Amino acid sequence: MLPRRIAHRIPVRVRHYWKLLATCAATLLAFAVVFSTVRVAPLVTSASDESGDEVSVNIAGTTDLFDATRAHTIKITYRTEAYEELLDSFWKDGEKEYLEADLTIDGTTVPSVGIRLKGNSTLQGITRDGEARQGGFGGGRGAMPQGAMPQGGLPEGGGGFRMGGGGGRTSLKTEEPETLPWLIRFDEFVEGRRYQGHREIAVRVGGMGGGAAVLNEAVSLNVLAAAGEVTQRYAYTSFTVNDRPATARLIVEHPDENFADAIGGNGVLYKSMASSQFTDQGDDPTEYADDFKQINKKGSQDLQPVIDLIRWVNTAGDAEFDEHLDEHVDVASFARYAAIQNLLVNFDDMAGPGRNYYLWYDLDAKRFSVVGWDYNLTLSGSATQDPAESVSMGGGGMRGGGGDFQPPEGMELPQGGQMPQGGQMPGGGRGGFGGHKLKERFLASAAYKDTYRKAYKELFNKIYGNASALNALDAITEVIGTVDGANAESTATDAENLRTLIRERTQFLVTNEIITG
């Protein structure tokens, strides 16, 4: 019993029900002890096809943002102090936090959007006041981090290799925010807001195979759309940050809920993360958090179809794989995907170091399709890449490639760093680093050889036939010439380099038996 003096200080209502309150407290304590050691896995039991995201504001703007036939304008304004705080967080912890900014697109002002730095290896070379971030390799174009490559290889951007299509990586400095890779998010600070249906857009960084204007990615997106393939839209824009000089930048549709809706049909979109290994990690969905991210229909669908696919691909025998693959994957669609990556010499696809792809799960057909993404390393490798071989960095993906990995021109290993034994990089894969079980098994299967060859020939005619890629390059270059901040000299040089590679690729393939046959 409490002393009377203390008891009278407790409210009467509490004194009347102290036994019930004590029982509840004891029960909560017991739950805390029992369940503190139990993992709770999130489960979705609903079969609904509804999306968990609601749109409250959709800004129409004045011009279609991704009208690639015209020049656009984007102006960003933010507080300098907030930008420095963003950099402090990234420099200290590697966190890419959102900065609140005001945005004007083609004359339409959108206040309080979120912008953050985008990319992984892309940002390894960034400098601040001339100093690289700890763990980065700023200041040395083409340098690799000390020691070894990160597990899973080089994520988005390719790691600073000097490629054959248009020069090496553009130097990134925090003092020049107009040159940095950004992700713009319209609903980060205003819930439910979209711009022409888009939640996010990506501002691509210059350099690598397409030079400062990223011509290779724009050309790839152009010819893929013309060929009727699912891909992202793009456009060129002048890009101004505060009172800094304007630059010409490539913006690309970011695969969000709006992109998922544009695919058509009833399905779920999953993004492969750069750290994805496509290996069976058990039944707990949380174990796959570093492998895949669900984009749409959150709360009504879950990751289980992806887990089932991973498990089947990794455990099915060859005979079962050949006989039942079409029950799990849209084979015709996947043949086109694999053919496209080879035609465009893209060594950073689903089997590349960045694991750049999305999975689309058709809820009606109960099958997957692979959607390509991040084409900034296309048309950068060897024009004589064999159509029958998987493109990989070190396995024909480099200009003059083939065989073991050879450091490209301009690439230097820092003191203490060394190439892995035999030139092979972490992650496996045939002839280089990376690799993907689904793609490897498909290309190795005799059962799907004819399907792949048929898709390859059809897509060759659409991409390179009748000078399609060359015409796309000319049209894109003409648009860039109208963009405020474009460098006419560098654009002309990059275009000529890319034009040479496209011609060499076309001439090599046109005599191949897959095309002639």
Protein backbone atom coordinates (compact mmCIF):
# COMPACT_ATOMS: atom_id res chain seq x y z
CA MET A 1 0.00 0.00 0.00
CA LEU A 2 1.16 3.52 -0.82
CA PRO A 3 1.42 5.93 2.12
CA ARG A 4 -1.80 7.91 2.52
CA ARG A 5 0.01 11.21 1.86
CA ILE A 6 1.27 9.98 -1.53
CA ALA A 7 -1.94 8.11 -2.42
CA HIS A 8 -4.04 11.28 -2.15
CA ARG A 9 -1.81 13.03 -4.64
CA ILE A 10 -2.82 10.47 -7.33
CA PRO A 11 -6.04 11.36 -9.24
CA VAL A 12 -9.16 9.59 -8.02
CA ARG A 13 -9.88 7.99 -11.45
CA VAL A 14 -6.42 6.46 -11.47
CA ARG A 15 -6.75 5.17 -7.87
CA HIS A 16 -10.05 3.47 -8.74
CA TYR A 17 -8.59 1.54 -11.70
CA TRP A 18 -5.04 1.00 -10.51
CA LYS A 19 -5.36 -2.81 -10.71
CA LEU A 20 -6.49 -2.68 -14.37
CA LEU A 21 -3.73 -0.22 -15.25
CA ALA A 22 -1.12 -2.37 -13.53
CA THR A 23 -2.31 -5.45 -15.45
CA CYS A 24 -2.05 -3.59 -18.77
CA ALA A 25 1.42 -2.36 -17.94
CA ALA A 26 2.53 -5.87 -17.02
CA THR A 27 1.09 -7.26 -20.25
CA LEU A 28 2.91 -4.64 -22.36
CA LEU A 29 6.14 -5.42 -20.55
CA ALA A 30 5.69 -9.13 -21.27
CA PHE A 31 5.05 -8.44 -24.94
CA ALA A 32 8.20 -6.31 -25.10
CA VAL A 33 10.30 -9.09 -23.61
CA VAL A 34 8.80 -11.89 -25.73
CA PHE A 35 8.73 -10.12 -29.08
CA SER A 36 12.01 -8.18 -28.79
CA THR A 37 13.83 -11.21 -30.20
CA VAL A 38 11.27 -12.08 -32.88
CA ARG A 39 11.58 -10.73 -36.43
CA VAL A 40 8.30 -9.41 -37.77
CA ALA A 41 8.09 -9.69 -41.55
CA PRO A 42 5.74 -7.33 -43.39
CA LEU A 43 3.05 -9.26 -45.22
CA VAL A 44 0.46 -8.11 -47.73
CA THR A 45 -2.58 -10.33 -47.95
CA SER A 46 -4.73 -8.09 -50.13
CA ALA A 47 -5.09 -8.99 -53.79
CA SER A 48 -6.09 -5.43 -54.64
CA ASP A 49 -4.55 -3.74 -57.65
CA GLU A 50 -4.86 -0.25 -56.21
CA SER A 51 -1.86 1.97 -55.63
CA GLY A 52 -1.09 3.22 -52.15
CA ASP A 53 -0.17 6.71 -53.39
CA GLU A 54 -2.74 9.45 -53.86
CA VAL A 55 -2.25 12.47 -56.13
CA SER A 56 -3.73 15.68 -54.75
CA VAL A 57 -2.15 18.22 -57.13
CA ASN A 58 -1.06 17.64 -60.73
CA ILE A 59 0.55 20.72 -62.28
CA ALA A 60 -0.16 20.94 -66.00
CA GLY A 61 2.63 23.32 -67.02
CA THR A 62 2.74 25.08 -70.37
CA THR A 63 4.67 22.56 -72.50
CA ASP A 64 5.13 18.80 -72.46
CA LEU A 65 8.28 18.44 -70.36
CA PHE A 66 9.51 15.52 -72.44
CA ASP A 67 8.89 17.00 -75.87
CA ALA A 68 12.33 16.09 -77.22
CA THR A 69 11.93 18.19 -80.36
CA ARG A 70 12.36 21.50 -78.54
CA ALA A 71 14.62 23.13 -75.98
CA HIS A 72 13.34 23.51 -72.42
CA THR A 73 14.31 25.68 -69.45
CA ILE A 74 14.75 24.71 -65.80
CA LYS A 75 15.75 27.17 -63.09
CA ILE A 76 16.43 26.15 -59.50
CA THR A 77 16.73 28.52 -56.56
CA TYR A 78 17.73 27.51 -53.02
CA ARG A 79 19.39 28.93 -49.92
CA THR A 80 23.17 28.62 -50.00
CA GLU A 81 23.18 27.65 -46.32
CA ALA A 82 20.82 24.75 -47.02
CA TYR A 83 23.05 23.55 -49.88
CA GLU A 84 26.09 23.59 -47.58
CA GLU A 85 24.16 21.57 -45.01
CA LEU A 86 23.29 19.03 -47.72
CA LEU A 87 26.98 18.76 -48.61
CA ASP A 88 27.96 18.44 -44.94
CA SER A 89 25.64 15.44 -44.60
CA PHE A 90 26.95 13.81 -47.76
CA TRP A 91 30.59 14.45 -46.89
CA LYS A 92 30.24 13.14 -43.35
CA ASP A 93 27.85 10.20 -43.69
CA GLY A 94 27.37 9.65 -47.42
CA GLU A 95 23.69 10.54 -46.99
CA LYS A 96 21.93 12.08 -50.01
CA GLU A 97 19.35 14.26 -48.30
CA TYR A 98 16.74 16.39 -50.02
CA LEU A 99 17.19 20.13 -50.27
CA GLU A 100 14.11 22.36 -50.46
CA ALA A 101 14.19 24.55 -53.56
CA ASP A 102 11.95 26.62 -55.83
CA LEU A 103 11.74 25.37 -59.40
CA THR A 104 10.66 27.00 -62.65
CA ILE A 105 10.03 24.71 -65.65
CA ASP A 106 9.31 26.30 -69.01
CA GLY A 107 7.96 29.36 -67.22
CA THR A 108 5.83 27.47 -64.66
CA THR A 109 6.96 28.01 -61.06
CA VAL A 110 6.76 25.07 -58.66
CA PRO A 111 7.70 26.09 -55.11
CA SER A 112 9.23 23.83 -52.46
CA VAL A 113 10.38 20.86 -54.51
CA GLY A 114 12.99 18.45 -53.20
CA ILE A 115 16.33 17.99 -54.96
CA ARG A 116 19.10 15.60 -54.00
CA LEU A 117 22.36 14.36 -55.44
CA LYS A 118 21.89 11.30 -57.63
CA GLY A 119 24.22 8.40 -58.32
CA ASN A 120 26.74 6.24 -56.54
CA SER A 121 30.04 5.83 -58.34
CA THR A 122 29.04 8.94 -60.29
CA LEU A 123 29.64 10.94 -57.12
CA GLN A 124 32.85 9.17 -56.10
CA GLY A 125 34.92 11.77 -57.96
CA ILE A 126 33.16 14.86 -56.61
CA THR A 127 35.30 17.52 -54.89
CA ARG A 128 34.54 20.30 -52.44
CA ASP A 129 36.98 23.19 -52.18
CA GLY A 130 39.39 21.04 -54.15
CA GLU A 131 39.22 18.14 -51.69
CA ALA A 132 37.70 14.72 -52.33
CA ARG A 133 35.29 13.12 -49.91
CA GLN A 134 36.79 10.38 -47.74
CA GLY A 135 36.26 7.11 -49.57
CA GLY A 136 35.98 8.86 -52.93
CA PHE A 137 38.59 9.40 -55.58
CA GLY A 138 38.00 12.97 -56.66
CA GLY A 139 40.58 14.79 -58.68
CA GLY A 140 41.77 11.79 -60.70
CA ARG A 141 39.64 11.09 -63.73
CA GLY A 142 39.27 7.37 -64.17
CA ALA A 143 40.70 6.52 -60.75
CA MET A 144 39.26 3.68 -58.69
CA PRO A 145 38.71 3.72 -54.92
CA GLN A 146 41.67 2.50 -52.94
CA GLY A 147 41.85 -1.23 -52.43
CA ALA A 148 39.13 -2.96 -54.39
CA MET A 149 35.82 -2.35 -56.04
CA PRO A 150 32.71 -2.20 -53.83
CA GLN A 151 30.70 -5.38 -53.52
CA GLY A 152 28.30 -5.61 -56.44
CA GLY A 153 30.62 -3.66 -58.71
CA LEU A 154 30.27 -0.11 -59.91
CA PRO A 155 26.77 1.29 -59.51
CA GLU A 156 25.15 3.92 -61.68
CA GLY A 157 27.57 5.88 -63.81
CA GLY A 158 30.21 3.24 -64.44
CA GLY A 159 32.95 4.39 -62.10
CA GLY A 160 34.82 6.93 -64.15
CA PHE A 161 36.15 4.79 -67.01
CA ARG A 162 37.29 6.58 -70.14
CA MET A 163 35.21 5.18 -72.98
CA GLY A 164 35.49 5.30 -76.76
CA GLY A 165 32.29 7.11 -77.65
CA GLY A 166 32.99 10.58 -76.37
CA GLY A 167 35.65 11.02 -73.74
CA GLY A 168 35.93 10.47 -70.02
CA ARG A 169 33.87 11.56 -67.06
CA THR A 170 33.14 15.21 -66.54
CA SER A 171 34.88 16.59 -63.44
CA LEU A 172 32.34 17.24 -60.68
CA LYS A 173 32.76 20.12 -58.26
CA THR A 174 30.31 21.20 -55.58
CA GLU A 175 31.11 24.79 -56.51
CA GLU A 176 29.40 24.09 -59.85
CA PRO A 177 25.97 22.70 -58.87
CA GLU A 178 24.69 23.24 -62.42
CA THR A 179 26.93 20.34 -63.55
CA LEU A 180 25.99 17.84 -60.82
CA PRO A 181 23.61 14.88 -61.20
CA TRP A 182 20.29 15.68 -59.51
CA LEU A 183 17.01 13.96 -58.77
CA ILE A 184 14.08 16.38 -58.60
CA ARG A 185 11.10 15.24 -56.52
CA PHE A 186 7.88 17.22 -56.65
CA ASP A 187 6.18 15.75 -53.57
CA GLU A 188 9.07 15.70 -51.10
CA PHE A 189 7.74 18.79 -49.28
CA VAL A 190 4.22 19.01 -50.72
CA GLU A 191 2.40 15.70 -50.29
CA GLY A 192 0.63 14.26 -53.31
CA ARG A 193 1.95 16.77 -55.82
CA ARG A 194 2.97 15.81 -59.37
CA TYR A 195 4.14 17.70 -62.45
CA GLN A 196 2.39 16.41 -65.58
CA GLY A 197 1.92 13.15 -63.68
CA HIS A 198 5.59 12.83 -62.73
CA ARG A 199 6.78 12.48 -59.18
CA GLU A 200 10.49 12.59 -60.07
CA ILE A 201 12.75 13.54 -62.97
CA ALA A 202 16.46 12.84 -63.32
CA VAL A 203 19.02 15.40 -64.43
CA ARG A 204 21.76 13.33 -66.04
CA VAL A 205 25.46 13.99 -65.59
CA GLY A 206 27.75 14.58 -68.56
CA GLY A 207 30.73 12.47 -69.51
CA MET A 208 31.42 8.84 -70.34
CA GLY A 209 30.49 7.50 -73.79
CA GLY A 210 28.22 10.35 -74.83
CA GLY A 211 30.41 13.25 -73.79
CA ALA A 212 29.15 16.33 -71.99
CA ALA A 213 25.72 16.19 -73.64
CA VAL A 214 25.17 12.46 -72.93
CA LEU A 215 24.31 11.98 -76.59
CA ASN A 216 24.60 8.20 -76.40
CA GLU A 217 21.77 7.90 -73.88
CA ALA A 218 19.53 10.26 -75.80
CA VAL A 219 20.12 8.40 -79.07
CA SER A 220 19.47 5.05 -77.37
CA LEU A 221 16.21 6.25 -75.83
CA ASN A 222 15.17 7.72 -79.16
CA VAL A 223 15.70 4.59 -81.26
CA LEU A 224 14.16 2.32 -78.61
CA ALA A 225 10.99 4.40 -78.49
CA ALA A 226 10.86 4.40 -82.30
CA ALA A 227 11.23 0.60 -82.24
CA GLY A 228 8.17 0.34 -79.96
CA GLU A 229 10.07 -0.75 -76.85
CA VAL A 230 9.17 0.30 -73.30
CA THR A 231 11.63 3.04 -72.37
CA GLN A 232 11.90 6.40 -70.68
CA ARG A 233 11.27 9.74 -72.31
CA TYR A 234 13.94 12.44 -72.43
CA ALA A 235 14.53 16.07 -73.38
CA TYR A 236 17.27 18.69 -73.35
CA THR A 237 17.03 21.79 -71.21
CA SER A 238 19.01 24.79 -70.12
CA PHE A 239 19.72 24.30 -66.43
CA THR A 240 20.35 27.23 -64.11
CA VAL A 241 21.08 27.08 -60.38
CA ASN A 242 20.72 30.35 -58.43
CA ASP A 243 22.82 32.93 -60.28
CA ARG A 244 25.22 30.40 -61.82
CA PRO A 245 25.77 30.16 -65.61
CA ALA A 246 23.25 28.11 -67.60
CA THR A 247 24.31 24.69 -68.89
CA ALA A 248 22.68 22.31 -71.37
CA ARG A 249 21.52 19.17 -69.57
CA LEU A 250 19.74 15.95 -70.48
CA ILE A 251 16.68 15.21 -68.34
CA VAL A 252 15.16 11.74 -68.28
CA GLU A 253 11.83 10.42 -67.07
CA HIS A 254 12.39 8.63 -63.78
CA PRO A 255 10.53 5.30 -63.58
CA ASP A 256 7.93 6.12 -60.93
CA GLU A 257 4.22 5.35 -60.55
CA ASN A 258 3.42 7.45 -63.61
CA PHE A 259 5.90 5.43 -65.67
CA ALA A 260 4.36 2.21 -64.36
CA ASP A 261 0.93 3.39 -65.50
CA ALA A 262 2.35 4.28 -68.93
CA ILE A 263 3.58 0.70 -69.43
CA GLY A 264 -0.05 -0.31 -69.71
CA GLY A 265 -1.92 -3.23 -68.27
CA ASN A 266 -2.29 -4.33 -64.68
CA GLY A 267 1.09 -4.87 -63.10
CA VAL A 268 3.71 -4.10 -60.48
CA LEU A 269 7.04 -2.39 -61.14
CA TYR A 270 10.16 -3.33 -59.16
CA LYS A 271 13.51 -1.52 -59.32
CA SER A 272 16.72 -3.52 -59.08
CA MET A 273 19.16 -1.90 -56.67
CA ALA A 274 22.85 -1.50 -57.51
CA SER A 275 23.63 -4.00 -54.73
CA SER A 276 21.21 -6.62 -56.06
CA GLN A 277 22.66 -10.13 -56.46
CA PHE A 278 19.54 -12.02 -57.64
CA THR A 279 20.18 -14.82 -55.15
CA ASP A 280 17.77 -16.72 -52.89
CA GLN A 281 17.83 -15.16 -49.42
CA GLY A 282 14.95 -17.03 -47.85
CA ASP A 283 11.28 -16.22 -47.32
CA ASP A 284 11.65 -13.00 -45.33
CA PRO A 285 10.92 -10.05 -47.69
CA THR A 286 13.06 -7.73 -45.57
CA GLU A 287 16.14 -9.71 -46.60
CA TYR A 288 15.64 -8.43 -50.15
CA ALA A 289 15.62 -4.74 -49.21
CA ASP A 290 19.05 -4.28 -50.79
CA ASP A 291 17.97 -6.10 -53.94
CA PHE A 292 14.64 -4.69 -55.11
CA LYS A 293 12.40 -1.72 -54.40
CA GLN A 294 8.69 -1.81 -55.17
CA ILE A 295 7.58 1.27 -57.13
CA ASN A 296 3.78 1.07 -57.37
CA LYS A 297 0.79 -0.66 -55.76
CA LYS A 298 2.40 -0.45 -52.35
CA GLY A 299 0.13 -1.83 -49.65
CA SER A 300 -1.82 -3.99 -52.08
CA GLN A 301 1.01 -6.04 -53.64
CA ASP A 302 4.36 -7.15 -52.33
CA LEU A 303 7.74 -8.62 -53.29
CA GLN A 304 6.70 -12.27 -53.27
CA PRO A 305 6.54 -12.70 -57.08
CA VAL A 306 10.15 -11.50 -57.35
CA ILE A 307 11.27 -13.85 -54.60
CA ASP A 308 9.57 -16.74 -56.38
CA LEU A 309 11.28 -15.83 -59.67
CA ILE A 310 14.71 -15.61 -58.06
CA ARG A 311 14.27 -18.98 -56.39
CA TRP A 312 13.07 -20.70 -59.56
CA VAL A 313 15.81 -19.32 -61.81
CA ASN A 314 18.48 -20.36 -59.32
CA THR A 315 17.16 -23.87 -58.66
CA ALA A 316 15.53 -25.09 -61.89
CA GLY A 317 17.48 -27.69 -63.87
CA ASP A 318 18.33 -26.99 -67.50
CA ALA A 319 15.48 -29.10 -68.85
CA GLU A 320 12.97 -27.44 -66.52
CA PHE A 321 14.34 -23.99 -67.37
CA ASP A 322 13.93 -24.60 -71.10
CA GLU A 323 10.44 -26.08 -70.76
CA HIS A 324 8.89 -23.71 -68.23
CA LEU A 325 10.66 -20.33 -68.58
CA ASP A 326 7.66 -18.91 -70.46
CA GLU A 327 5.51 -19.57 -67.39
CA HIS A 328 7.66 -17.13 -65.41
CA VAL A 329 9.00 -14.69 -68.01
CA ASP A 330 7.61 -13.20 -71.22
CA VAL A 331 10.20 -14.93 -73.42
CA ALA A 332 9.64 -12.86 -76.55
CA SER A 333 9.96 -9.63 -74.57
CA PHE A 334 13.08 -10.85 -72.80
CA ALA A 335 14.69 -11.88 -76.11
CA ARG A 336 14.19 -8.33 -77.33
CA TYR A 337 15.67 -6.93 -74.14
CA ALA A 338 18.79 -9.09 -74.40
CA ALA A 339 19.19 -8.27 -78.09
CA ILE A 340 18.90 -4.53 -77.43
CA GLN A 341 21.68 -4.56 -74.83
CA ASN A 342 24.01 -6.24 -77.31
CA LEU A 343 23.02 -4.07 -80.26
CA LEU A 344 23.67 -0.92 -78.20
CA VAL A 345 26.83 -2.41 -76.62
CA ASN A 346 25.49 -1.75 -73.14
CA PHE A 347 27.68 -3.49 -70.56
CA ASP A 348 25.83 -1.89 -67.64
CA ASP A 349 22.43 -3.52 -68.08
CA MET A 350 20.84 -6.09 -65.75
CA ALA A 351 24.07 -8.11 -65.86
CA GLY A 352 26.34 -5.09 -65.48
CA PRO A 353 27.97 -3.62 -62.38
CA GLY A 354 25.11 -1.16 -61.83
CA ARG A 355 22.32 -3.79 -62.15
CA ASN A 356 20.35 -1.25 -64.17
CA TYR A 357 16.92 -2.69 -64.85
CA TYR A 358 13.33 -2.91 -63.63
CA LEU A 359 11.07 -5.93 -63.41
CA TRP A 360 7.46 -5.56 -64.56
CA TYR A 361 5.12 -8.22 -63.20
CA ASP A 362 1.91 -8.64 -65.17
CA LEU A 363 -0.74 -9.49 -62.56
CA ASP A 364 -3.03 -11.03 -65.20
CA ALA A 365 -0.48 -13.13 -67.10
CA LYS A 366 1.56 -13.86 -63.94
CA ARG A 367 4.80 -13.31 -65.86
CA PHE A 368 7.72 -10.90 -65.74
CA SER A 369 9.19 -8.58 -68.34
CA VAL A 370 12.50 -6.75 -68.00
CA VAL A 371 12.50 -2.98 -68.53
CA GLY A 372 15.79 -1.27 -69.40
CA TRP A 373 17.00 1.79 -67.53
CA ASP A 374 20.08 4.02 -67.28
CA TYR A 375 21.51 3.97 -70.81
CA ASN A 376 24.40 6.40 -70.21
CA LEU A 377 26.96 3.67 -70.99
CA THR A 378 25.43 2.49 -74.26
CA LEU A 379 27.28 2.97 -77.56
CA SER A 380 30.54 3.34 -75.67
CA GLY A 381 32.26 0.01 -76.17
CA SER A 382 33.51 -2.14 -78.99
CA ALA A 383 31.80 -1.76 -82.36
CA THR A 384 32.71 -5.39 -83.08
CA GLN A 385 30.90 -6.89 -80.11
CA ASP A 386 29.70 -10.38 -81.12
CA PRO A 387 25.88 -10.64 -81.24
CA ALA A 388 26.04 -14.11 -79.69
CA GLU A 389 27.95 -13.01 -76.59
CA SER A 390 26.81 -11.20 -73.50
CA VAL A 391 28.28 -7.72 -73.24
CA SER A 392 30.30 -7.16 -70.08
CA MET A 393 32.99 -4.82 -68.86
CA GLY A 394 36.18 -6.62 -69.78
CA GLY A 395 34.38 -9.14 -71.97
CA GLY A 396 34.02 -7.13 -75.15
CA GLY A 397 32.24 -4.21 -73.55
CA MET A 398 35.29 -1.98 -73.85
CA ARG A 399 36.42 -0.52 -77.17
CA GLY A 400 38.78 -3.12 -78.55
CA GLY A 401 37.57 -5.39 -75.74
CA GLY A 402 37.56 -9.12 -75.40
CA GLY A 403 39.27 -11.41 -72.91
CA ASP A 404 40.30 -10.34 -69.43
CA PHE A 405 39.70 -6.89 -68.06
CA GLN A 406 42.21 -4.27 -69.24
CA PRO A 407 42.18 -0.83 -67.63
CA PRO A 408 40.95 1.73 -70.19
CA GLU A 409 42.99 4.75 -71.19
CA GLY A 410 43.18 7.30 -68.39
CA MET A 411 42.25 4.84 -65.66
CA GLU A 412 44.71 4.74 -62.77
CA LEU A 413 44.76 2.60 -59.67
CA PRO A 414 45.50 4.52 -56.47
CA GLN A 415 48.45 3.60 -54.32
CA GLY A 416 47.82 0.23 -52.72
CA GLY A 417 45.09 -0.70 -55.20
CA GLN A 418 45.42 -3.65 -57.55
CA MET A 419 43.35 -5.54 -60.03
CA PRO A 420 41.87 -8.82 -58.77
CA GLN A 421 43.63 -11.98 -59.88
CA GLY A 422 43.14 -12.73 -63.57
CA GLY A 423 41.64 -9.31 -64.22
CA GLN A 424 38.26 -10.54 -62.96
CA MET A 425 36.24 -8.12 -60.90
CA PRO A 426 33.89 -9.07 -58.05
CA GLY A 427 30.45 -10.33 -59.03
CA GLY A 428 31.44 -12.94 -61.58
CA GLY A 429 29.92 -12.89 -65.04
CA ARG A 430 31.41 -14.22 -68.21
CA GLY A 431 34.45 -12.30 -69.38
CA GLY A 432 34.11 -9.45 -66.91
CA PHE A 433 32.41 -8.43 -63.70
CA GLY A 434 28.71 -8.38 -63.10
CA GLY A 435 26.53 -11.21 -64.36
CA HIS A 436 22.87 -12.15 -63.98
CA LYS A 437 21.62 -15.70 -63.67
CA LEU A 438 18.46 -15.17 -65.73
CA LYS A 439 20.24 -13.52 -68.65
CA GLU A 440 23.15 -15.98 -68.60
CA ARG A 441 20.89 -19.03 -68.62
CA PHE A 442 18.69 -17.60 -71.35
CA LEU A 443 21.59 -16.84 -73.70
CA ALA A 444 23.19 -20.22 -73.00
CA SER A 445 19.99 -22.16 -73.78
CA ALA A 446 19.75 -23.75 -77.21
CA ALA A 447 15.96 -23.78 -76.78
CA TYR A 448 15.78 -19.98 -77.15
CA LYS A 449 18.55 -19.43 -79.68
CA ASP A 450 16.15 -18.92 -82.59
CA THR A 451 13.91 -16.60 -80.55
CA TYR A 452 16.90 -14.42 -79.69
CA ARG A 453 18.25 -14.37 -83.25
CA LYS A 454 14.86 -13.40 -84.67
CA ALA A 455 14.50 -10.54 -82.19
CA TYR A 456 18.07 -9.43 -82.89
CA LYS A 457 17.53 -9.17 -86.65
CA GLU A 458 14.24 -7.32 -86.30
CA LEU A 459 15.70 -4.80 -83.86
CA PHE A 460 18.85 -4.31 -85.92
CA ASN A 461 16.68 -3.18 -88.81
CA LYS A 462 14.77 -0.78 -86.54
CA ILE A 463 17.80 0.65 -84.73
CA TYR A 464 20.47 0.74 -87.42
CA GLY A 465 18.53 0.01 -90.62
CA ASN A 466 17.89 2.96 -92.92
CA ALA A 467 20.43 4.93 -90.84
CA SER A 468 17.89 5.22 -87.98
CA ALA A 469 20.46 5.82 -85.23
CA LEU A 470 22.42 8.27 -87.36
CA ASN A 471 19.28 10.23 -88.19
CA ALA A 472 18.35 10.32 -84.50
CA LEU A 473 21.82 11.63 -83.66
CA ASP A 474 21.50 14.42 -86.23
CA ALA A 475 18.06 15.45 -84.96
CA ILE A 476 19.17 15.46 -81.33
CA THR A 477 22.30 17.46 -82.10
CA GLU A 478 20.17 20.05 -83.88
CA VAL A 479 17.95 20.46 -80.81
CA ILE A 480 20.96 20.82 -78.48
CA GLY A 481 22.14 23.70 -80.65
CA THR A 482 19.05 25.67 -79.58
CA VAL A 483 19.55 25.08 -75.84
CA ASP A 484 20.88 28.00 -73.81
CA GLY A 485 24.24 27.04 -72.31
CA ALA A 486 25.16 24.39 -74.88
CA ASN A 487 28.79 24.19 -75.98
CA ALA A 488 28.68 23.95 -79.76
CA GLU A 489 32.30 22.83 -80.12
CA SER A 490 32.17 19.97 -77.62
CA THR A 491 28.76 18.86 -78.88
CA ALA A 492 30.11 18.66 -82.44
CA THR A 493 33.11 16.61 -81.27
CA ASP A 494 30.97 14.25 -79.21
CA ALA A 495 28.53 13.83 -82.08
CA GLU A 496 31.28 12.96 -84.53
CA ASN A 497 32.77 10.37 -82.14
CA LEU A 498 29.36 8.78 -81.66
CA ARG A 499 28.64 8.92 -85.39
CA THR A 500 31.86 6.99 -86.07
CA LEU A 501 30.95 4.28 -83.57
CA ILE A 502 27.41 3.89 -84.95
CA ARG A 503 28.76 3.52 -88.48
CA GLU A 504 31.35 0.96 -87.37
CA ARG A 505 28.73 -0.99 -85.43
CA THR A 506 26.35 -0.99 -88.40
CA GLN A 507 29.05 -2.10 -90.84
CA PHE A 508 30.15 -4.90 -88.54
CA LEU A 509 26.67 -6.27 -87.91
CA VAL A 510 25.30 -6.02 -91.44
CA THR A 511 27.54 -8.92 -92.54
CA ASN A 512 26.82 -11.09 -89.51
CA GLU A 513 24.98 -14.36 -90.18
CA ILE A 514 22.19 -13.39 -87.79
CA ILE A 515 21.40 -10.40 -90.00
CA THR A 516 22.16 -11.95 -93.40
CA GLY A 517 20.41 -15.19 -92.48
